[in-house]
C-alpha atoms as a PDB file:
ATOM      1  CA  MET A   1      88.562  71.342  76.090  1.00  0.00           C
ATOM      2  CA  GLY A   2      91.961  70.622  77.669  1.00  0.00           C
ATOM      3  CA  TYR A   3      94.422  67.903  76.715  1.00  0.00           C
ATOM      4  CA  SER A   4      93.750  64.183  76.441  1.00  0.00           C
ATOM      5  CA  VAL A   5      95.733  61.664  78.467  1.00  0.00           C
ATOM      6  CA  GLY A   6      97.509  60.591  75.291  1.00  0.00           C
ATOM      7  CA  GLN A   7      98.537  64.168  74.494  1.00  0.00           C
ATOM      8  CA  VAL A   8      99.855  64.751  78.011  1.00  0.00           C
ATOM      9  CA  ALA A   9     101.779  61.477  77.916  1.00  0.00           C
ATOM     10  CA  GLY A  10     103.365  62.650  74.671  1.00  0.00           C
ATOM     11  CA  PHE A  11     104.235  66.097  76.059  1.00  0.00           C
ATOM     12  CA  ALA A  12     105.809  64.717  79.235  1.00  0.00           C
ATOM     13  CA  GLY A  13     107.462  61.596  77.812  1.00  0.00           C
ATOM     14  CA  VAL A  14     105.686  59.284  80.259  1.00  0.00           C
ATOM     15  CA  THR A  15     103.314  56.417  79.623  1.00  0.00           C
ATOM     16  CA  VAL A  16      99.543  56.642  79.710  1.00  0.00           C
ATOM     17  CA  ARG A  17      99.716  53.959  82.394  1.00  0.00           C
ATOM     18  CA  THR A  18     101.822  56.268  84.568  1.00  0.00           C
ATOM     19  CA  LEU A  19      99.222  59.042  84.271  1.00  0.00           C
ATOM     20  CA  HIS A  20      96.421  56.596  85.108  1.00  0.00           C
ATOM     21  CA  HIS A  21      98.389  55.486  88.174  1.00  0.00           C
ATOM     22  CA  TYR A  22      98.906  59.092  89.328  1.00  0.00           C
ATOM     23  CA  ASP A  23      95.153  59.639  88.975  1.00  0.00           C
ATOM     24  CA  GLU A  24      94.291  56.460  90.888  1.00  0.00           C
ATOM     25  CA  ILE A  25      96.452  57.420  93.881  1.00  0.00           C
ATOM     26  CA  GLY A  26      95.224  61.023  93.858  1.00  0.00           C
ATOM     27  CA  LEU A  27      98.594  62.533  92.964  1.00  0.00           C
ATOM     28  CA  LEU A  28      97.435  64.043  89.681  1.00  0.00           C
ATOM     29  CA  SER A  29      93.732  63.955  88.918  1.00  0.00           C
ATOM     30  CA  PRO A  30      92.679  65.666  85.671  1.00  0.00           C
ATOM     31  CA  SER A  31      90.584  68.769  86.124  1.00  0.00           C
ATOM     32  CA  GLY A  32      87.906  67.690  83.689  1.00  0.00           C
ATOM     33  CA  ARG A  33      86.286  64.965  81.685  1.00  0.00           C
ATOM     34  CA  SER A  34      85.026  64.894  78.118  1.00  0.00           C
ATOM     35  CA  HIS A  35      81.383  64.168  77.300  1.00  0.00           C
ATOM     36  CA  ALA A  36      82.447  60.566  76.812  1.00  0.00           C
ATOM     37  CA  GLY A  37      84.059  60.474  80.276  1.00  0.00           C
ATOM     38  CA  HIS A  38      87.674  60.627  79.114  1.00  0.00           C
ATOM     39  CA  ARG A  39      90.297  62.444  81.188  1.00  0.00           C
ATOM     40  CA  ARG A  40      91.035  66.047  80.166  1.00  0.00           C
ATOM     41  CA  TYR A  41      94.001  67.964  81.586  1.00  0.00           C
ATOM     42  CA  ASP A  42      94.348  71.757  81.767  1.00  0.00           C
ATOM     43  CA  ASP A  43      97.467  73.940  82.067  1.00  0.00           C
ATOM     44  CA  ALA A  44      97.400  73.803  85.878  1.00  0.00           C
ATOM     45  CA  ASP A  45      97.441  70.004  85.670  1.00  0.00           C
ATOM     46  CA  LEU A  46     100.480  70.173  83.394  1.00  0.00           C
ATOM     47  CA  ASP A  47     102.243  72.474  85.855  1.00  0.00           C
ATOM     48  CA  ARG A  48     101.588  69.970  88.645  1.00  0.00           C
ATOM     49  CA  LEU A  49     102.833  67.094  86.484  1.00  0.00           C
ATOM     50  CA  GLN A  50     105.997  69.034  85.746  1.00  0.00           C
ATOM     51  CA  ARG A  51     106.647  69.451  89.479  1.00  0.00           C
ATOM     52  CA  ILE A  52     105.881  65.762  90.108  1.00  0.00           C
ATOM     53  CA  LEU A  53     108.450  64.696  87.523  1.00  0.00           C
ATOM     54  CA  PHE A  54     111.064  67.096  88.903  1.00  0.00           C
ATOM     55  CA  HIS A  55     110.641  65.554  92.355  1.00  0.00           C
ATOM     56  CA  ARG A  56     110.657  62.005  90.964  1.00  0.00           C
ATOM     57  CA  GLU A  57     113.875  62.737  89.085  1.00  0.00           C
ATOM     58  CA  LEU A  58     115.336  63.933  92.384  1.00  0.00           C
ATOM     59  CA  GLY A  59     114.497  60.555  93.924  1.00  0.00           C
ATOM     60  CA  PHE A  60     111.488  61.434  96.068  1.00  0.00           C
ATOM     61  CA  PRO A  61     108.978  58.550  96.488  1.00  0.00           C
ATOM     62  CA  LEU A  62     105.434  59.240  95.349  1.00  0.00           C
ATOM     63  CA  ASP A  63     103.978  59.593  98.852  1.00  0.00           C
ATOM     64  CA  GLU A  64     106.564  62.275  99.713  1.00  0.00           C
ATOM     65  CA  VAL A  65     105.915  64.050  96.407  1.00  0.00           C
ATOM     66  CA  ALA A  66     102.230  64.308  97.328  1.00  0.00           C
ATOM     67  CA  VAL A  67     103.097  65.864 100.701  1.00  0.00           C
ATOM     68  CA  LEU A  68     105.501  68.356  99.120  1.00  0.00           C
ATOM     69  CA  LEU A  69     103.074  69.453  96.429  1.00  0.00           C
ATOM     70  CA  ASP A  70     100.081  69.750  98.733  1.00  0.00           C
ATOM     71  CA  ASP A  71     101.876  71.755 101.402  1.00  0.00           C
ATOM     72  CA  PRO A  72      99.517  74.750 101.876  1.00  0.00           C
ATOM     73  CA  GLU A  73     102.410  76.962 102.951  1.00  0.00           C
ATOM     74  CA  THR A  74     104.342  76.525  99.700  1.00  0.00           C
ATOM     75  CA  ASP A  75     103.108  78.075  96.463  1.00  0.00           C
ATOM     76  CA  ALA A  76     104.045  77.033  92.933  1.00  0.00           C
ATOM     77  CA  ARG A  77     106.881  79.555  92.695  1.00  0.00           C
ATOM     78  CA  GLU A  78     108.359  78.371  95.979  1.00  0.00           C
ATOM     79  CA  HIS A  79     108.238  74.779  94.716  1.00  0.00           C
ATOM     80  CA  LEU A  80     110.253  75.845  91.693  1.00  0.00           C
ATOM     81  CA  ARG A  81     112.815  77.653  93.839  1.00  0.00           C
ATOM     82  CA  ARG A  82     113.221  74.581  96.059  1.00  0.00           C
ATOM     83  CA  GLN A  83     113.591  72.296  93.058  1.00  0.00           C
ATOM     84  CA  HIS A  84     116.169  74.580  91.504  1.00  0.00           C
ATOM     85  CA  ALA A  85     118.272  74.560  94.669  1.00  0.00           C
ATOM     86  CA  LEU A  86     118.169  70.758  94.810  1.00  0.00           C
ATOM     87  CA  LEU A  87     118.866  70.265  91.142  1.00  0.00           C
ATOM     88  CA  SER A  88     121.851  72.607  91.248  1.00  0.00           C
ATOM     89  CA  ASP A  89     123.579  70.160  93.588  1.00  0.00           C
ATOM     90  CA  ARG A  90     123.096  67.203  91.253  1.00  0.00           C
ATOM     91  CA  ILE A  91     125.717  65.737  88.985  1.00  0.00           C
ATOM     92  CA  ALA A  92     126.383  67.034  85.493  1.00  0.00           C
ATOM     93  CA  ARG A  93     123.910  64.756  83.719  1.00  0.00           C
ATOM     94  CA  LEU A  94     121.041  66.692  85.401  1.00  0.00           C
ATOM     95  CA  GLN A  95     122.275  70.108  84.280  1.00  0.00           C
ATOM     96  CA  ARG A  96     119.690  70.328  81.514  1.00  0.00           C
ATOM     97  CA  MET A  97     116.951  69.849  84.086  1.00  0.00           C
ATOM     98  CA  ALA A  98     118.315  72.615  86.318  1.00  0.00           C
ATOM     99  CA  GLU A  99     118.265  74.971  83.337  1.00  0.00           C
ATOM    100  CA  ALA A 100     114.650  73.971  82.630  1.00  0.00           C
ATOM    101  CA  VAL A 101     113.668  74.863  86.194  1.00  0.00           C
ATOM    102  CA  GLU A 102     115.267  78.282  85.701  1.00  0.00           C
ATOM    103  CA  ARG A 103     113.250  78.786  82.528  1.00  0.00           C
ATOM    104  CA  ALA A 104     110.062  77.780  84.350  1.00  0.00           C
ATOM    105  CA  MET A 105     110.815  80.199  87.213  1.00  0.00           C
ATOM    106  CA  GLU A 106     111.474  83.034  84.773  1.00  0.00           C
ATOM    107  CA  ALA A 107     108.295  82.249  82.849  1.00  0.00           C
ATOM    108  CA  LYS A 108     106.259  82.376  86.067  1.00  0.00           C
ATOM    109  CA  LYS A 109     107.813  85.690  87.087  1.00  0.00           C
ATOM    110  CA  MET A 110     107.277  87.241  83.657  1.00  0.00           C
ATOM    111  CA  GLY A 111     103.784  85.816  83.239  1.00  0.00           C
ATOM    112  CA  ILE A 112     104.851  83.804  80.213  1.00  0.00           C
ATOM    113  CA  ASN A 113     102.883  80.642  79.493  1.00  0.00           C
ATOM    114  CA  LEU A 114     105.182  77.858  78.337  1.00  0.00           C
ATOM    115  CA  THR A 115     103.832  75.454  75.730  1.00  0.00           C
ATOM    116  CA  PRO A 116     103.255  71.857  76.857  1.00  0.00           C
ATOM    117  CA  GLU A 117     106.269  70.775  74.802  1.00  0.00           C
ATOM    118  CA  GLU A 118     108.528  73.361  76.496  1.00  0.00           C
ATOM    119  CA  LYS A 119     107.430  72.303  79.966  1.00  0.00           C
ATOM    120  CA  PHE A 120     108.535  68.715  79.447  1.00  0.00           C
ATOM    121  CA  GLU A 121     111.321  68.811  76.870  1.00  0.00           C
ATOM    122  CA  VAL A 122     113.936  68.531  79.641  1.00  0.00           C
ATOM    123  CA  PHE A 123     112.888  64.959  80.397  1.00  0.00           C
ATOM    124  CA  GLY A 124     113.554  63.696  76.853  1.00  0.00           C
ATOM    125  CA  ASP A 125     112.582  60.047  76.533  1.00  0.00           C
ATOM    126  CA  HIS A 126     113.044  59.332  80.245  1.00  0.00           C
ATOM    127  CA  ASP A 127     110.035  58.230  82.298  1.00  0.00           C
ATOM    128  CA  PRO A 128     110.947  58.027  86.030  1.00  0.00           C
ATOM    129  CA  GLU A 129     108.174  55.466  86.564  1.00  0.00           C
ATOM    130  CA  ARG A 130     109.013  53.216  83.628  1.00  0.00           C
ATOM    131  CA  TYR A 131     110.683  50.432  85.594  1.00  0.00           C
ATOM    132  CA  ALA A 132     109.951  51.333  89.226  1.00  0.00           C
ATOM    133  CA  GLU A 133     106.626  49.497  89.313  1.00  0.00           C
ATOM    134  CA  GLU A 134     108.073  46.422  87.615  1.00  0.00           C
ATOM    135  CA  VAL A 135     111.048  46.275  89.979  1.00  0.00           C
ATOM    136  CA  GLU A 136     108.802  46.540  93.038  1.00  0.00           C
ATOM    137  CA  ARG A 137     106.373  43.962  91.654  1.00  0.00           C
ATOM    138  CA  ARG A 138     109.101  41.431  90.875  1.00  0.00           C
ATOM    139  CA  TRP A 139     111.391  41.927  93.869  1.00  0.00           C
ATOM    140  CA  GLY A 140     109.628  44.222  96.328  1.00  0.00           C
ATOM    141  CA  ALA A 141     109.037  41.439  98.874  1.00  0.00           C
ATOM    142  CA  THR A 142     112.656  40.251  98.876  1.00  0.00           C
ATOM    143  CA  ASP A 143     115.368  41.027 101.404  1.00  0.00           C
ATOM    144  CA  ALA A 144     117.645  42.043  98.524  1.00  0.00           C
ATOM    145  CA  TYR A 145     115.198  44.756  97.422  1.00  0.00           C
ATOM    146  CA  ALA A 146     114.911  46.155 100.953  1.00  0.00           C
ATOM    147  CA  GLN A 147     118.688  46.068 101.391  1.00  0.00           C
ATOM    148  CA  SER A 148     119.217  47.809  98.055  1.00  0.00           C
ATOM    149  CA  ARG A 149     116.753  50.580  98.986  1.00  0.00           C
ATOM    150  CA  ARG A 150     118.497  51.142 102.341  1.00  0.00           C
ATOM    151  CA  ARG A 151     121.930  51.349 100.757  1.00  0.00           C
ATOM    152  CA  ALA A 152     120.750  53.650  97.972  1.00  0.00           C
ATOM    153  CA  ALA A 153     119.189  56.021 100.499  1.00  0.00           C
ATOM    154  CA  SER A 154     122.491  56.343 102.372  1.00  0.00           C
ATOM    155  CA  MET A 155     124.686  57.014  99.326  1.00  0.00           C
ATOM    156  CA  THR A 156     125.953  60.499  98.535  1.00  0.00           C
ATOM    157  CA  LYS A 157     126.461  61.949  95.068  1.00  0.00           C
ATOM    158  CA  GLU A 158     130.160  61.076  95.324  1.00  0.00           C
ATOM    159  CA  ASP A 159     129.300  57.503  96.344  1.00  0.00           C
ATOM    160  CA  TRP A 160     127.081  57.134  93.252  1.00  0.00           C
ATOM    161  CA  GLU A 161     129.775  58.548  90.990  1.00  0.00           C
ATOM    162  CA  ARG A 162     132.402  56.147  92.338  1.00  0.00           C
ATOM    163  CA  ALA A 163     130.042  53.185  92.047  1.00  0.00           C
ATOM    164  CA  ARG A 164     129.082  54.109  88.490  1.00  0.00           C
ATOM    165  CA  ASP A 165     132.717  54.592  87.453  1.00  0.00           C
ATOM    166  CA  LEU A 166     133.684  51.213  88.915  1.00  0.00           C
ATOM    167  CA  ALA A 167     130.821  49.459  87.111  1.00  0.00           C
ATOM    168  CA  ASP A 168     131.743  51.160  83.839  1.00  0.00           C
ATOM    169  CA  ASP A 169     135.369  50.107  84.300  1.00  0.00           C
ATOM    170  CA  ILE A 170     134.355  46.462  84.787  1.00  0.00           C
ATOM    171  CA  ASP A 171     132.242  46.626  81.623  1.00  0.00           C
ATOM    172  CA  ARG A 172     135.109  48.136  79.621  1.00  0.00           C
ATOM    173  CA  ARG A 173     137.582  45.507  80.802  1.00  0.00           C
ATOM    174  CA  LEU A 174     135.136  42.720  79.943  1.00  0.00           C
ATOM    175  CA  ALA A 175     134.749  44.224  76.477  1.00  0.00           C
ATOM    176  CA  GLY A 176     138.535  44.354  76.191  1.00  0.00           C
ATOM    177  CA  LEU A 177     138.781  40.642  76.946  1.00  0.00           C
ATOM    178  CA  MET A 178     136.217  39.917  74.242  1.00  0.00           C
ATOM    179  CA  GLU A 179     138.154  41.987  71.709  1.00  0.00           C
ATOM    180  CA  ALA A 180     141.334  40.123  72.650  1.00  0.00           C
ATOM    181  CA  GLY A 181     139.596  36.817  71.903  1.00  0.00           C
ATOM    182  CA  ALA A 182     139.463  35.538  75.483  1.00  0.00           C
ATOM    183  CA  ALA A 183     136.915  32.838  76.287  1.00  0.00           C
ATOM    184  CA  ALA A 184     134.127  33.552  78.757  1.00  0.00           C
ATOM    185  CA  ASP A 185     135.355  30.697  80.966  1.00  0.00           C
ATOM    186  CA  SER A 186     138.962  31.911  80.976  1.00  0.00           C
ATOM    187  CA  GLU A 187     140.555  32.906  84.268  1.00  0.00           C
ATOM    188  CA  PRO A 188     140.621  36.652  83.453  1.00  0.00           C
ATOM    189  CA  ALA A 189     136.926  36.613  82.441  1.00  0.00           C
ATOM    190  CA  MET A 190     135.918  34.710  85.565  1.00  0.00           C
ATOM    191  CA  ASP A 191     137.967  37.108  87.690  1.00  0.00           C
ATOM    192  CA  LEU A 192     136.070  40.058  86.216  1.00  0.00           C
ATOM    193  CA  ALA A 193     132.786  38.240  86.765  1.00  0.00           C
ATOM    194  CA  GLU A 194     133.808  37.918  90.413  1.00  0.00           C
ATOM    195  CA  GLU A 195     134.541  41.657  90.506  1.00  0.00           C
ATOM    196  CA  HIS A 196     131.073  42.228  89.050  1.00  0.00           C
ATOM    197  CA  ARG A 197     129.508  40.103  91.794  1.00  0.00           C
ATOM    198  CA  GLY A 198     131.563  41.966  94.388  1.00  0.00           C
ATOM    199  CA  TRP A 199     130.328  45.297  92.999  1.00  0.00           C
ATOM    200  CA  ILE A 200     126.702  44.222  93.477  1.00  0.00           C
ATOM    201  CA  ASP A 201     127.507  42.788  96.908  1.00  0.00           C
ATOM    202  CA  GLY A 202     129.169  46.010  98.009  1.00  0.00           C
ATOM    203  CA  HIS A 203     126.816  48.572  96.498  1.00  0.00           C
ATOM    204  CA  ALA A 204     123.370  47.019  96.220  1.00  0.00           C
ATOM    205  CA  TYR A 205     122.659  43.817  98.142  1.00  0.00           C
ATOM    206  CA  THR A 206     124.258  40.577  99.279  1.00  0.00           C
ATOM    207  CA  CYS A 207     124.789  38.672  96.036  1.00  0.00           C
ATOM    208  CA  SER A 208     125.329  34.922  96.286  1.00  0.00           C
ATOM    209  CA  TYR A 209     126.721  32.939  93.367  1.00  0.00           C
ATOM    210  CA  ALA A 210     123.262  31.503  92.729  1.00  0.00           C
ATOM    211  CA  MET A 211     121.720  34.972  92.606  1.00  0.00           C
ATOM    212  CA  HIS A 212     124.543  36.233  90.412  1.00  0.00           C
ATOM    213  CA  THR A 213     123.908  33.382  87.983  1.00  0.00           C
ATOM    214  CA  CYS A 214     120.222  34.346  87.809  1.00  0.00           C
ATOM    215  CA  LEU A 215     121.215  37.942  87.124  1.00  0.00           C
ATOM    216  CA  GLY A 216     123.499  36.780  84.331  1.00  0.00           C
ATOM    217  CA  GLU A 217     120.619  34.935  82.693  1.00  0.00           C
ATOM    218  CA  MET A 218     118.501  38.068  82.954  1.00  0.00           C
ATOM    219  CA  TYR A 219     121.207  40.215  81.342  1.00  0.00           C
ATOM    220  CA  ALA A 220     121.138  37.962  78.278  1.00  0.00           C
ATOM    221  CA  ALA A 221     117.362  37.353  78.185  1.00  0.00           C
ATOM    222  CA  ASP A 222     115.943  40.810  78.922  1.00  0.00           C
ATOM    223  CA  GLU A 223     116.383  43.088  75.918  1.00  0.00           C
ATOM    224  CA  ARG A 224     116.762  46.154  78.140  1.00  0.00           C
ATOM    225  CA  PHE A 225     119.788  44.726  79.970  1.00  0.00           C
ATOM    226  CA  THR A 226     121.141  43.283  76.726  1.00  0.00           C
ATOM    227  CA  ALA A 227     120.935  46.711  75.094  1.00  0.00           C
ATOM    228  CA  HIS A 228     122.887  48.252  77.998  1.00  0.00           C
ATOM    229  CA  TYR A 229     125.773  45.779  77.814  1.00  0.00           C
ATOM    230  CA  ASP A 230     125.783  45.390  74.039  1.00  0.00           C
ATOM    231  CA  ALA A 231     126.084  49.182  73.714  1.00  0.00           C
ATOM    232  CA  VAL A 232     129.543  48.765  75.290  1.00  0.00           C
ATOM    233  CA  ARG A 233     130.366  45.941  72.875  1.00  0.00           C
ATOM    234  CA  PRO A 234     128.035  43.742  70.808  1.00  0.00           C
ATOM    235  CA  GLY A 235     127.648  40.355  72.482  1.00  0.00           C
ATOM    236  CA  LEU A 236     128.846  41.559  75.898  1.00  0.00           C
ATOM    237  CA  ALA A 237     125.606  40.580  77.678  1.00  0.00           C
ATOM    238  CA  VAL A 238     125.986  36.925  76.653  1.00  0.00           C
ATOM    239  CA  PHE A 239     129.740  37.010  77.369  1.00  0.00           C
ATOM    240  CA  LEU A 240     129.085  38.340  80.873  1.00  0.00           C
ATOM    241  CA  ARG A 241     126.391  35.733  81.488  1.00  0.00           C
ATOM    242  CA  ASP A 242     128.755  32.932  80.471  1.00  0.00           C
ATOM    243  CA  ALA A 243     131.589  34.358  82.572  1.00  0.00           C
ATOM    244  CA  ILE A 244     129.257  34.616  85.589  1.00  0.00           C
ATOM    245  CA  THR A 245     128.165  30.993  85.130  1.00  0.00           C
ATOM    246  CA  ALA A 246     131.758  29.797  84.804  1.00  0.00           C
ATOM    247  CA  ASN A 247     132.767  31.767  87.896  1.00  0.00           C
ATOM    248  CA  ALA A 248     129.968  30.196  89.930  1.00  0.00           C
ATOM    249  CA  VAL A 249     131.077  26.725  88.836  1.00  0.00           C
ATOM    250  CA  ARG A 250     134.651  27.584  89.775  1.00  0.00           C
ATOM    251  CA  ALA A 251     133.578  28.784  93.223  1.00  0.00           C
ATOM    252  CA  ALA A 252     131.620  25.574  93.849  1.00  0.00           C
ATOM    253  CA  ALA A 253     134.532  23.313  92.860  1.00  0.00           C
END
């Protein structure tokens, strides 16, 4: 019997493609197959997937996750204890996940079998793999991607919080200019666009004006980026793109 790949994807809030990828690289191979050859997952597979997603949420790359999970000296309960200790040090937005690890530990100790929905409810709609493959495919061979990975690896929790707060502040001030009726090519808007470029340059990778202009076009063209900026204020993605373009023209003058 077991669960189909579609059912497991629904329980865990990941895509079927993610589960296929985990199978292909040997990270999570289903324990069985149906008579028609379709993947079938059992409860032990779901437990392993839960641990994979905990480690992915903590930022471990897939090859390191495989090593951690297949360590013969660490049993399932020890994995949960380790994950709980790590999660407890994370920022407030991961608190729900830390509580889920506690529930999983208690269930193991008490011999309680959690339902598939309970095992994965902590992840909500978030799939850690959703954009990772796309980002690596599009930019993995670039110097900017390598530089961004190096900088991210060296940042502490406090560094991330400061960077996030600064980015949010730039977004809010851009939205304030829009509400005040400022034009995207006004001096204040271009100054904020320059701050935005400086934020990328200081926290992610060296960002030239040409690259910044390309990013601006992506913010307005890619619905995922547009949704992020327009959630701050409708139309902000296009406003930012136009301010970035105007700032690049100003810098070249």
